[in-house]
Amino acid sequence: MKKTFEIIRDLREDNDLKQKDVADYLKMSRTTYNHYELGHTSLNEDIIIKLSKFYNVSPNFILNYSSKNEITDVKTLKLIKLIEKENINIDALISLIQNSKKLFKK
């Protein structure tokens, strides 16, 4: 099972990026980012979310909890988290979305 630091290194290499490219996106030094890739520093939630947006993968993929093809949209993940937290009735929400789609098609 791959470790988080191996996953972020692989994602960077798969995208033909240098550590400096990712570090610039995260607004940190290359040395600081290097510590993440070496596993010397643990990723916090903010960094995980930023990296998931950057690579268009789910945070769960970075944490090695899921496959790359699971939900990748961070906004969708936040919505799911909100639905679970607020205990929203999923069936009512689906019905609302389906009805609103019908309204916009007209």
PDB file of N, CA and C in Angstrom:
ATOM      1  N   MET A   1       0.850  -1.185   0.000  1.00  0.00           N
ATOM      2  CA  MET A   1       0.000   0.000   0.000  1.00  0.00           C
ATOM      3  C   MET A   1       0.890   1.241   0.000  1.00  0.00           C
ATOM      4  N   LYS A   2       0.633   2.138  -0.930  1.00  0.00           N
ATOM      5  CA  LYS A   2       1.448   3.336  -1.055  1.00  0.00           C
ATOM      6  C   LYS A   2       1.173   4.309   0.079  1.00  0.00           C
ATOM      7  N   LYS A   3       2.219   4.977   0.476  1.00  0.00           N
ATOM      8  CA  LYS A   3       2.121   6.040   1.479  1.00  0.00           C
ATOM      9  C   LYS A   3       1.738   7.342   0.779  1.00  0.00           C
ATOM     10  N   THR A   4       1.174   8.273   1.531  1.00  0.00           N
ATOM     11  CA  THR A   4       0.744   9.560   0.986  1.00  0.00           C
ATOM     12  C   THR A   4       1.890  10.280   0.286  1.00  0.00           C
ATOM     13  N   PHE A   5       3.070  10.270   0.885  1.00  0.00           N
ATOM     14  CA  PHE A   5       4.191  11.000   0.278  1.00  0.00           C
ATOM     15  C   PHE A   5       4.598  10.375  -1.057  1.00  0.00           C
ATOM     16  N   GLU A   6       4.411   9.066  -1.204  1.00  0.00           N
ATOM     17  CA  GLU A   6       4.711   8.415  -2.480  1.00  0.00           C
ATOM     18  C   GLU A   6       3.670   8.797  -3.534  1.00  0.00           C
ATOM     19  N   ILE A   7       2.432   8.921  -3.103  1.00  0.00           N
ATOM     20  CA  ILE A   7       1.343   9.270  -4.017  1.00  0.00           C
ATOM     21  C   ILE A   7       1.539  10.676  -4.563  1.00  0.00           C
ATOM     22  N   ILE A   8       1.878  11.638  -3.695  1.00  0.00           N
ATOM     23  CA  ILE A   8       2.039  13.008  -4.201  1.00  0.00           C
ATOM     24  C   ILE A   8       3.272  13.123  -5.096  1.00  0.00           C
ATOM     25  N   ARG A   9       4.296  12.350  -4.820  1.00  0.00           N
ATOM     26  CA  ARG A   9       5.478  12.342  -5.696  1.00  0.00           C
ATOM     27  C   ARG A   9       5.088  11.755  -7.057  1.00  0.00           C
ATOM     28  N   ASP A  10       4.362  10.636  -7.047  1.00  0.00           N
ATOM     29  CA  ASP A  10       3.938  10.006  -8.299  1.00  0.00           C
ATOM     30  C   ASP A  10       3.030  10.930  -9.116  1.00  0.00           C
ATOM     31  N   LEU A  11       2.107  11.610  -8.441  1.00  0.00           N
ATOM     32  CA  LEU A  11       1.231  12.547  -9.145  1.00  0.00           C
ATOM     33  C   LEU A  11       2.048  13.647  -9.821  1.00  0.00           C
ATOM     34  N   ARG A  12       3.014  14.181  -9.101  1.00  0.00           N
ATOM     35  CA  ARG A  12       3.857  15.239  -9.660  1.00  0.00           C
ATOM     36  C   ARG A  12       4.629  14.722 -10.867  1.00  0.00           C
ATOM     37  N   GLU A  13       5.256  13.563 -10.720  1.00  0.00           N
ATOM     38  CA  GLU A  13       6.048  12.992 -11.810  1.00  0.00           C
ATOM     39  C   GLU A  13       5.167  12.618 -13.002  1.00  0.00           C
ATOM     40  N   ASP A  14       3.974  12.078 -12.745  1.00  0.00           N
ATOM     41  CA  ASP A  14       3.049  11.721 -13.821  1.00  0.00           C
ATOM     42  C   ASP A  14       2.624  12.947 -14.638  1.00  0.00           C
ATOM     43  N   ASN A  15       2.666  14.096 -13.998  1.00  0.00           N
ATOM     44  CA  ASN A  15       2.282  15.342 -14.666  1.00  0.00           C
ATOM     45  C   ASN A  15       3.492  16.133 -15.165  1.00  0.00           C
ATOM     46  N   ASP A  16       4.655  15.489 -15.140  1.00  0.00           N
ATOM     47  CA  ASP A  16       5.903  16.103 -15.618  1.00  0.00           C
ATOM     48  C   ASP A  16       6.175  17.464 -14.974  1.00  0.00           C
ATOM     49  N   LEU A  17       5.994  17.519 -13.665  1.00  0.00           N
ATOM     50  CA  LEU A  17       6.225  18.754 -12.920  1.00  0.00           C
ATOM     51  C   LEU A  17       7.453  18.621 -12.041  1.00  0.00           C
ATOM     52  N   LYS A  18       8.037  19.742 -11.729  1.00  0.00           N
ATOM     53  CA  LYS A  18       9.145  19.795 -10.777  1.00  0.00           C
ATOM     54  C   LYS A  18       8.577  20.142  -9.407  1.00  0.00           C
ATOM     55  N   GLN A  19       9.317  19.807  -8.369  1.00  0.00           N
ATOM     56  CA  GLN A  19       8.865  20.153  -7.015  1.00  0.00           C
ATOM     57  C   GLN A  19       8.612  21.653  -6.906  1.00  0.00           C
ATOM     58  N   LYS A  20       9.415  22.451  -7.564  1.00  0.00           N
ATOM     59  CA  LYS A  20       9.268  23.905  -7.514  1.00  0.00           C
ATOM     60  C   LYS A  20       7.907  24.331  -8.070  1.00  0.00           C
ATOM     61  N   ASP A  21       7.431  23.645  -9.118  1.00  0.00           N
ATOM     62  CA  ASP A  21       6.126  23.972  -9.701  1.00  0.00           C
ATOM     63  C   ASP A  21       5.008  23.786  -8.679  1.00  0.00           C
ATOM     64  N   VAL A  22       5.047  22.656  -7.995  1.00  0.00           N
ATOM     65  CA  VAL A  22       4.005  22.354  -7.001  1.00  0.00           C
ATOM     66  C   VAL A  22       4.153  23.280  -5.791  1.00  0.00           C
ATOM     67  N   ALA A  23       5.389  23.501  -5.379  1.00  0.00           N
ATOM     68  CA  ALA A  23       5.647  24.389  -4.239  1.00  0.00           C
ATOM     69  C   ALA A  23       5.135  25.800  -4.526  1.00  0.00           C
ATOM     70  N   ASP A  24       5.353  26.288  -5.738  1.00  0.00           N
ATOM     71  CA  ASP A  24       4.853  27.620  -6.108  1.00  0.00           C
ATOM     72  C   ASP A  24       3.334  27.668  -6.032  1.00  0.00           C
ATOM     73  N   TYR A  25       2.666  26.620  -6.519  1.00  0.00           N
ATOM     74  CA  TYR A  25       1.208  26.556  -6.452  1.00  0.00           C
ATOM     75  C   TYR A  25       0.733  26.592  -4.996  1.00  0.00           C
ATOM     76  N   LEU A  26       1.452  25.887  -4.132  1.00  0.00           N
ATOM     77  CA  LEU A  26       1.080  25.824  -2.715  1.00  0.00           C
ATOM     78  C   LEU A  26       1.572  27.029  -1.921  1.00  0.00           C
ATOM     79  N   LYS A  27       2.322  27.917  -2.594  1.00  0.00           N
ATOM     80  CA  LYS A  27       2.875  29.125  -1.958  1.00  0.00           C
ATOM     81  C   LYS A  27       3.785  28.772  -0.787  1.00  0.00           C
ATOM     82  N   MET A  28       4.744  27.884  -1.084  1.00  0.00           N
ATOM     83  CA  MET A  28       5.739  27.487  -0.088  1.00  0.00           C
ATOM     84  C   MET A  28       7.068  27.275  -0.798  1.00  0.00           C
ATOM     85  N   SER A  29       8.107  27.118  -0.031  1.00  0.00           N
ATOM     86  CA  SER A  29       9.415  26.881  -0.633  1.00  0.00           C
ATOM     87  C   SER A  29       9.496  25.455  -1.163  1.00  0.00           C
ATOM     88  N   ARG A  30      10.397  25.256  -2.109  1.00  0.00           N
ATOM     89  CA  ARG A  30      10.605  23.921  -2.643  1.00  0.00           C
ATOM     90  C   ARG A  30      11.087  22.985  -1.545  1.00  0.00           C
ATOM     91  N   THR A  31      11.905  23.484  -0.644  1.00  0.00           N
ATOM     92  CA  THR A  31      12.424  22.670   0.465  1.00  0.00           C
ATOM     93  C   THR A  31      11.288  22.184   1.355  1.00  0.00           C
ATOM     94  N   THR A  32      10.356  23.064   1.660  1.00  0.00           N
ATOM     95  CA  THR A  32       9.208  22.673   2.483  1.00  0.00           C
ATOM     96  C   THR A  32       8.406  21.597   1.785  1.00  0.00           C
ATOM     97  N   TYR A  33       8.145  21.809   0.480  1.00  0.00           N
ATOM     98  CA  TYR A  33       7.391  20.808  -0.267  1.00  0.00           C
ATOM     99  C   TYR A  33       8.154  19.483  -0.321  1.00  0.00           C
ATOM    100  N   ASN A  34       9.455  19.556  -0.490  1.00  0.00           N
ATOM    101  CA  ASN A  34      10.294  18.356  -0.536  1.00  0.00           C
ATOM    102  C   ASN A  34      10.103  17.512   0.723  1.00  0.00           C
ATOM    103  N   HIS A  35       9.946  18.161   1.872  1.00  0.00           N
ATOM    104  CA  HIS A  35       9.723  17.431   3.134  1.00  0.00           C
ATOM    105  C   HIS A  35       8.416  16.630   3.093  1.00  0.00           C
ATOM    106  N   TYR A  36       7.401  17.153   2.390  1.00  0.00           N
ATOM    107  CA  TYR A  36       6.154  16.398   2.220  1.00  0.00           C
ATOM    108  C   TYR A  36       6.401  15.148   1.379  1.00  0.00           C
ATOM    109  N   GLU A  37       7.131  15.328   0.275  1.00  0.00           N
ATOM    110  CA  GLU A  37       7.379  14.191  -0.624  1.00  0.00           C
ATOM    111  C   GLU A  37       8.303  13.143  -0.010  1.00  0.00           C
ATOM    112  N   LEU A  38       9.136  13.546   0.916  1.00  0.00           N
ATOM    113  CA  LEU A  38      10.018  12.585   1.577  1.00  0.00           C
ATOM    114  C   LEU A  38       9.340  11.915   2.771  1.00  0.00           C
ATOM    115  N   GLY A  39       8.173  12.431   3.146  1.00  0.00           N
ATOM    116  CA  GLY A  39       7.458  11.868   4.287  1.00  0.00           C
ATOM    117  C   GLY A  39       7.962  12.381   5.619  1.00  0.00           C
ATOM    118  N   HIS A  40       8.790  13.434   5.590  1.00  0.00           N
ATOM    119  CA  HIS A  40       9.303  14.009   6.832  1.00  0.00           C
ATOM    120  C   HIS A  40       8.268  14.894   7.515  1.00  0.00           C
ATOM    121  N   THR A  41       7.357  15.449   6.717  1.00  0.00           N
ATOM    122  CA  THR A  41       6.299  16.305   7.237  1.00  0.00           C
ATOM    123  C   THR A  41       4.963  15.750   6.758  1.00  0.00           C
ATOM    124  N   SER A  42       4.008  15.627   7.668  1.00  0.00           N
ATOM    125  CA  SER A  42       2.673  15.120   7.310  1.00  0.00           C
ATOM    126  C   SER A  42       1.868  16.205   6.616  1.00  0.00           C
ATOM    127  N   LEU A  43       1.054  15.789   5.678  1.00  0.00           N
ATOM    128  CA  LEU A  43       0.173  16.726   4.982  1.00  0.00           C
ATOM    129  C   LEU A  43      -0.991  17.099   5.886  1.00  0.00           C
ATOM    130  N   ASN A  44      -1.300  18.393   5.954  1.00  0.00           N
ATOM    131  CA  ASN A  44      -2.492  18.790   6.708  1.00  0.00           C
ATOM    132  C   ASN A  44      -3.679  18.864   5.744  1.00  0.00           C
ATOM    133  N   GLU A  45      -4.855  19.051   6.279  1.00  0.00           N
ATOM    134  CA  GLU A  45      -6.083  19.038   5.480  1.00  0.00           C
ATOM    135  C   GLU A  45      -6.049  20.080   4.366  1.00  0.00           C
ATOM    136  N   ASP A  46      -5.557  21.268   4.657  1.00  0.00           N
ATOM    137  CA  ASP A  46      -5.502  22.343   3.674  1.00  0.00           C
ATOM    138  C   ASP A  46      -4.621  21.960   2.484  1.00  0.00           C
ATOM    139  N   ILE A  47      -3.464  21.381   2.752  1.00  0.00           N
ATOM    140  CA  ILE A  47      -2.545  20.973   1.685  1.00  0.00           C
ATOM    141  C   ILE A  47      -3.163  19.836   0.866  1.00  0.00           C
ATOM    142  N   ILE A  48      -3.805  18.895   1.528  1.00  0.00           N
ATOM    143  CA  ILE A  48      -4.443  17.779   0.823  1.00  0.00           C
ATOM    144  C   ILE A  48      -5.513  18.291  -0.137  1.00  0.00           C
ATOM    145  N   ILE A  49      -6.324  19.217   0.306  1.00  0.00           N
ATOM    146  CA  ILE A  49      -7.383  19.767  -0.548  1.00  0.00           C
ATOM    147  C   ILE A  49      -6.788  20.543  -1.715  1.00  0.00           C
ATOM    148  N   LYS A  50      -5.763  21.344  -1.451  1.00  0.00           N
ATOM    149  CA  LYS A  50      -5.124  22.091  -2.537  1.00  0.00           C
ATOM    150  C   LYS A  50      -4.508  21.149  -3.563  1.00  0.00           C
ATOM    151  N   LEU A  51      -3.846  20.094  -3.099  1.00  0.00           N
ATOM    152  CA  LEU A  51      -3.242  19.135  -4.027  1.00  0.00           C
ATOM    153  C   LEU A  51      -4.309  18.373  -4.811  1.00  0.00           C
ATOM    154  N   SER A  52      -5.425  18.061  -4.160  1.00  0.00           N
ATOM    155  CA  SER A  52      -6.485  17.345  -4.869  1.00  0.00           C
ATOM    156  C   SER A  52      -7.074  18.221  -5.969  1.00  0.00           C
ATOM    157  N   LYS A  53      -7.214  19.517  -5.719  1.00  0.00           N
ATOM    158  CA  LYS A  53      -7.684  20.433  -6.760  1.00  0.00           C
ATOM    159  C   LYS A  53      -6.656  20.538  -7.881  1.00  0.00           C
ATOM    160  N   PHE A  54      -5.406  20.660  -7.500  1.00  0.00           N
ATOM    161  CA  PHE A  54      -4.319  20.828  -8.463  1.00  0.00           C
ATOM    162  C   PHE A  54      -4.231  19.650  -9.426  1.00  0.00           C
ATOM    163  N   TYR A  55      -4.345  18.443  -8.896  1.00  0.00           N
ATOM    164  CA  TYR A  55      -4.220  17.240  -9.712  1.00  0.00           C
ATOM    165  C   TYR A  55      -5.566  16.674 -10.174  1.00  0.00           C
ATOM    166  N   ASN A  56      -6.651  17.291  -9.744  1.00  0.00           N
ATOM    167  CA  ASN A  56      -8.001  16.837 -10.081  1.00  0.00           C
ATOM    168  C   ASN A  56      -8.227  15.380  -9.663  1.00  0.00           C
ATOM    169  N   VAL A  57      -7.893  15.105  -8.426  1.00  0.00           N
ATOM    170  CA  VAL A  57      -8.159  13.805  -7.814  1.00  0.00           C
ATOM    171  C   VAL A  57      -8.859  14.062  -6.488  1.00  0.00           C
ATOM    172  N   SER A  58      -9.442  13.027  -5.913  1.00  0.00           N
ATOM    173  CA  SER A  58     -10.107  13.210  -4.630  1.00  0.00           C
ATOM    174  C   SER A  58      -9.071  13.243  -3.508  1.00  0.00           C
ATOM    175  N   PRO A  59      -9.385  13.935  -2.418  1.00  0.00           N
ATOM    176  CA  PRO A  59      -8.504  13.878  -1.258  1.00  0.00           C
ATOM    177  C   PRO A  59      -8.282  12.440  -0.791  1.00  0.00           C
ATOM    178  N   ASN A  60      -9.323  11.612  -0.928  1.00  0.00           N
ATOM    179  CA  ASN A  60      -9.192  10.205  -0.541  1.00  0.00           C
ATOM    180  C   ASN A  60      -8.154   9.479  -1.389  1.00  0.00           C
ATOM    181  N   PHE A  61      -8.016   9.887  -2.640  1.00  0.00           N
ATOM    182  CA  PHE A  61      -6.988   9.274  -3.485  1.00  0.00           C
ATOM    183  C   PHE A  61      -5.602   9.621  -2.948  1.00  0.00           C
ATOM    184  N   ILE A  62      -5.396  10.879  -2.589  1.00  0.00           N
ATOM    185  CA  ILE A  62      -4.096  11.295  -2.048  1.00  0.00           C
ATOM    186  C   ILE A  62      -3.795  10.545  -0.755  1.00  0.00           C
ATOM    187  N   LEU A  63      -4.825  10.301   0.037  1.00  0.00           N
ATOM    188  CA  LEU A  63      -4.642   9.576   1.298  1.00  0.00           C
ATOM    189  C   LEU A  63      -4.640   8.063   1.111  1.00  0.00           C
ATOM    190  N   ASN A  64      -4.795   7.621  -0.148  1.00  0.00           N
ATOM    191  CA  ASN A  64      -4.806   6.207  -0.523  1.00  0.00           C
ATOM    192  C   ASN A  64      -5.992   5.457   0.087  1.00  0.00           C
ATOM    193  N   TYR A  65      -7.131   6.149   0.166  1.00  0.00           N
ATOM    194  CA  TYR A  65      -8.352   5.518   0.655  1.00  0.00           C
ATOM    195  C   TYR A  65      -9.250   5.074  -0.479  1.00  0.00           C
ATOM    196  N   SER A  66      -8.950   5.525  -1.709  1.00  0.00           N
ATOM    197  CA  SER A  66      -9.843   5.223  -2.821  1.00  0.00           C
ATOM    198  C   SER A  66      -9.068   5.222  -4.129  1.00  0.00           C
ATOM    199  N   SER A  67      -9.766   4.800  -5.169  1.00  0.00           N
ATOM    200  CA  SER A  67      -9.163   4.820  -6.498  1.00  0.00           C
ATOM    201  C   SER A  67      -9.245   6.222  -7.082  1.00  0.00           C
ATOM    202  N   LYS A  68      -8.479   6.451  -8.120  1.00  0.00           N
ATOM    203  CA  LYS A  68      -8.447   7.759  -8.782  1.00  0.00           C
ATOM    204  C   LYS A  68      -9.806   8.118  -9.372  1.00  0.00           C
ATOM    205  N   ASN A  69     -10.612   7.118  -9.696  1.00  0.00           N
ATOM    206  CA  ASN A  69     -11.870   7.361 -10.378  1.00  0.00           C
ATOM    207  C   ASN A  69     -13.040   7.660  -9.450  1.00  0.00           C
ATOM    208  N   GLU A  70     -12.795   7.682  -8.161  1.00  0.00           N
ATOM    209  CA  GLU A  70     -13.865   8.032  -7.241  1.00  0.00           C
ATOM    210  C   GLU A  70     -14.191   9.508  -7.429  1.00  0.00           C
ATOM    211  N   ILE A  71     -14.995  10.067  -6.594  1.00  0.00           N
ATOM    212  CA  ILE A  71     -15.369  11.471  -6.711  1.00  0.00           C
ATOM    213  C   ILE A  71     -14.108  12.325  -6.691  1.00  0.00           C
ATOM    214  N   THR A  72     -13.945  13.148  -7.722  1.00  0.00           N
ATOM    215  CA  THR A  72     -12.734  13.960  -7.809  1.00  0.00           C
ATOM    216  C   THR A  72     -13.009  15.438  -7.606  1.00  0.00           C
ATOM    217  N   ASP A  73     -14.236  15.837  -7.700  1.00  0.00           N
ATOM    218  CA  ASP A  73     -14.567  17.241  -7.571  1.00  0.00           C
ATOM    219  C   ASP A  73     -14.631  17.615  -6.091  1.00  0.00           C
ATOM    220  N   VAL A  74     -13.771  18.536  -5.696  1.00  0.00           N
ATOM    221  CA  VAL A  74     -13.689  18.926  -4.287  1.00  0.00           C
ATOM    222  C   VAL A  74     -14.992  19.575  -3.825  1.00  0.00           C
ATOM    223  N   LYS A  75     -15.649  20.323  -4.697  1.00  0.00           N
ATOM    224  CA  LYS A  75     -16.933  20.937  -4.324  1.00  0.00           C
ATOM    225  C   LYS A  75     -17.973  19.859  -4.030  1.00  0.00           C
ATOM    226  N   THR A  76     -17.956  18.794  -4.810  1.00  0.00           N
ATOM    227  CA  THR A  76     -18.877  17.680  -4.575  1.00  0.00           C
ATOM    228  C   THR A  76     -18.577  17.030  -3.233  1.00  0.00           C
ATOM    229  N   LEU A  77     -17.289  16.859  -2.940  1.00  0.00           N
ATOM    230  CA  LEU A  77     -16.910  16.274  -1.654  1.00  0.00           C
ATOM    231  C   LEU A  77     -17.362  17.146  -0.486  1.00  0.00           C
ATOM    232  N   LYS A  78     -17.219  18.463  -0.648  1.00  0.00           N
ATOM    233  CA  LYS A  78     -17.666  19.376   0.409  1.00  0.00           C
ATOM    234  C   LYS A  78     -19.181  19.301   0.581  1.00  0.00           C
ATOM    235  N   LEU A  79     -19.901  19.183  -0.539  1.00  0.00           N
ATOM    236  CA  LEU A  79     -21.360  19.065  -0.483  1.00  0.00           C
ATOM    237  C   LEU A  79     -21.766  17.785   0.233  1.00  0.00           C
ATOM    238  N   ILE A  80     -21.105  16.691  -0.088  1.00  0.00           N
ATOM    239  CA  ILE A  80     -21.400  15.419   0.573  1.00  0.00           C
ATOM    240  C   ILE A  80     -21.158  15.531   2.077  1.00  0.00           C
ATOM    241  N   LYS A  81     -20.058  16.180   2.432  1.00  0.00           N
ATOM    242  CA  LYS A  81     -19.738  16.361   3.851  1.00  0.00           C
ATOM    243  C   LYS A  81     -20.824  17.193   4.544  1.00  0.00           C
ATOM    244  N   LEU A  82     -21.286  18.257   3.882  1.00  0.00           N
ATOM    245  CA  LEU A  82     -22.339  19.110   4.436  1.00  0.00           C
ATOM    246  C   LEU A  82     -23.641  18.336   4.581  1.00  0.00           C
ATOM    247  N   ILE A  83     -23.998  17.549   3.581  1.00  0.00           N
ATOM    248  CA  ILE A  83     -25.229  16.738   3.631  1.00  0.00           C
ATOM    249  C   ILE A  83     -25.178  15.789   4.825  1.00  0.00           C
ATOM    250  N   GLU A  84     -24.025  15.140   5.000  1.00  0.00           N
ATOM    251  CA  GLU A  84     -23.881  14.202   6.124  1.00  0.00           C
ATOM    252  C   GLU A  84     -23.941  14.945   7.463  1.00  0.00           C
ATOM    253  N   LYS A  85     -23.266  16.083   7.539  1.00  0.00           N
ATOM    254  CA  LYS A  85     -23.219  16.849   8.794  1.00  0.00           C
ATOM    255  C   LYS A  85     -24.599  17.377   9.188  1.00  0.00           C
ATOM    256  N   GLU A  86     -25.331  17.890   8.199  1.00  0.00           N
ATOM    257  CA  GLU A  86     -26.632  18.499   8.474  1.00  0.00           C
ATOM    258  C   GLU A  86     -27.767  17.490   8.471  1.00  0.00           C
ATOM    259  N   ASN A  87     -27.436  16.214   8.182  1.00  0.00           N
ATOM    260  CA  ASN A  87     -28.430  15.151   8.171  1.00  0.00           C
ATOM    261  C   ASN A  87     -29.594  15.473   7.225  1.00  0.00           C
ATOM    262  N   ILE A  88     -29.239  15.923   6.026  1.00  0.00           N
ATOM    263  CA  ILE A  88     -30.235  16.288   5.015  1.00  0.00           C
ATOM    264  C   ILE A  88     -30.826  15.018   4.414  1.00  0.00           C
ATOM    265  N   ASN A  89     -32.126  15.038   4.160  1.00  0.00           N
ATOM    266  CA  ASN A  89     -32.803  13.911   3.538  1.00  0.00           C
ATOM    267  C   ASN A  89     -32.374  13.824   2.075  1.00  0.00           C
ATOM    268  N   ILE A  90     -31.630  12.786   1.739  1.00  0.00           N
ATOM    269  CA  ILE A  90     -31.072  12.614   0.397  1.00  0.00           C
ATOM    270  C   ILE A  90     -32.169  12.495  -0.656  1.00  0.00           C
ATOM    271  N   ASP A  91     -33.216  11.754  -0.371  1.00  0.00           N
ATOM    272  CA  ASP A  91     -34.298  11.579  -1.341  1.00  0.00           C
ATOM    273  C   ASP A  91     -34.961  12.915  -1.673  1.00  0.00           C
ATOM    274  N   ALA A  92     -35.172  13.746  -0.661  1.00  0.00           N
ATOM    275  CA  ALA A  92     -35.777  15.058  -0.889  1.00  0.00           C
ATOM    276  C   ALA A  92     -34.834  15.936  -1.714  1.00  0.00           C
ATOM    277  N   LEU A  93     -33.552  15.849  -1.450  1.00  0.00           N
ATOM    278  CA  LEU A  93     -32.565  16.634  -2.194  1.00  0.00           C
ATOM    279  C   LEU A  93     -32.522  16.199  -3.659  1.00  0.00           C
ATOM    280  N   ILE A  94     -32.518  14.895  -3.905  1.00  0.00           N
ATOM    281  CA  ILE A  94     -32.507  14.372  -5.279  1.00  0.00           C
ATOM    282  C   ILE A  94     -33.756  14.833  -6.024  1.00  0.00           C
ATOM    283  N   SER A  95     -34.904  14.753  -5.359  1.00  0.00           N
ATOM    284  CA  SER A  95     -36.164  15.191  -5.969  1.00  0.00           C
ATOM    285  C   SER A  95     -36.098  16.680  -6.314  1.00  0.00           C
ATOM    286  N   LEU A  96     -35.567  17.470  -5.430  1.00  0.00           N
ATOM    287  CA  LEU A  96     -35.425  18.904  -5.658  1.00  0.00           C
ATOM    288  C   LEU A  96     -34.534  19.172  -6.869  1.00  0.00           C
ATOM    289  N   ILE A  97     -33.434  18.463  -6.973  1.00  0.00           N
ATOM    290  CA  ILE A  97     -32.513  18.639  -8.103  1.00  0.00           C
ATOM    291  C   ILE A  97     -33.176  18.221  -9.404  1.00  0.00           C
ATOM    292  N   GLN A  98     -33.879  17.080  -9.394  1.00  0.00           N
ATOM    293  CA  GLN A  98     -34.542  16.616 -10.610  1.00  0.00           C
ATOM    294  C   GLN A  98     -35.606  17.606 -11.065  1.00  0.00           C
ATOM    295  N   ASN A  99     -36.358  18.157 -10.123  1.00  0.00           N
ATOM    296  CA  ASN A  99     -37.395  19.133 -10.470  1.00  0.00           C
ATOM    297  C   ASN A  99     -36.781  20.423 -10.998  1.00  0.00           C
ATOM    298  N   SER A 100     -35.676  20.836 -10.427  1.00  0.00           N
ATOM    299  CA  SER A 100     -35.041  22.073 -10.899  1.00  0.00           C
ATOM    300  C   SER A 100     -34.455  21.880 -12.288  1.00  0.00           C
ATOM    301  N   LYS A 101     -33.976  20.674 -12.608  1.00  0.00           N
ATOM    302  CA  LYS A 101     -33.471  20.400 -13.956  1.00  0.00           C
ATOM    303  C   LYS A 101     -34.596  20.535 -14.977  1.00  0.00           C
ATOM    304  N   LYS A 102     -35.795  20.061 -14.612  1.00  0.00           N
ATOM    305  CA  LYS A 102     -36.936  20.149 -15.506  1.00  0.00           C
ATOM    306  C   LYS A 102     -37.288  21.605 -15.765  1.00  0.00           C
ATOM    307  N   LEU A 103     -37.187  22.449 -14.734  1.00  0.00           N
ATOM    308  CA  LEU A 103     -37.499  23.868 -14.881  1.00  0.00           C
ATOM    309  C   LEU A 103     -36.511  24.550 -15.830  1.00  0.00           C
ATOM    310  N   PHE A 104     -35.243  24.197 -15.736  1.00  0.00           N
ATOM    311  CA  PHE A 104     -34.216  24.861 -16.549  1.00  0.00           C
ATOM    312  C   PHE A 104     -34.225  24.378 -17.996  1.00  0.00           C
ATOM    313  N   LYS A 105     -34.795  23.218 -18.259  1.00  0.00           N
ATOM    314  CA  LYS A 105     -34.857  22.700 -19.631  1.00  0.00           C
ATOM    315  C   LYS A 105     -35.899  23.411 -20.465  1.00  0.00           C
ATOM    316  N   LYS A 106     -36.871  24.041 -19.812  1.00  0.00           N
ATOM    317  CA  LYS A 106     -37.978  24.682 -20.539  1.00  0.00           C
ATOM    318  C   LYS A 106     -37.534  25.964 -21.189  1.00  0.00           C
TER     319      LYS A 106
END
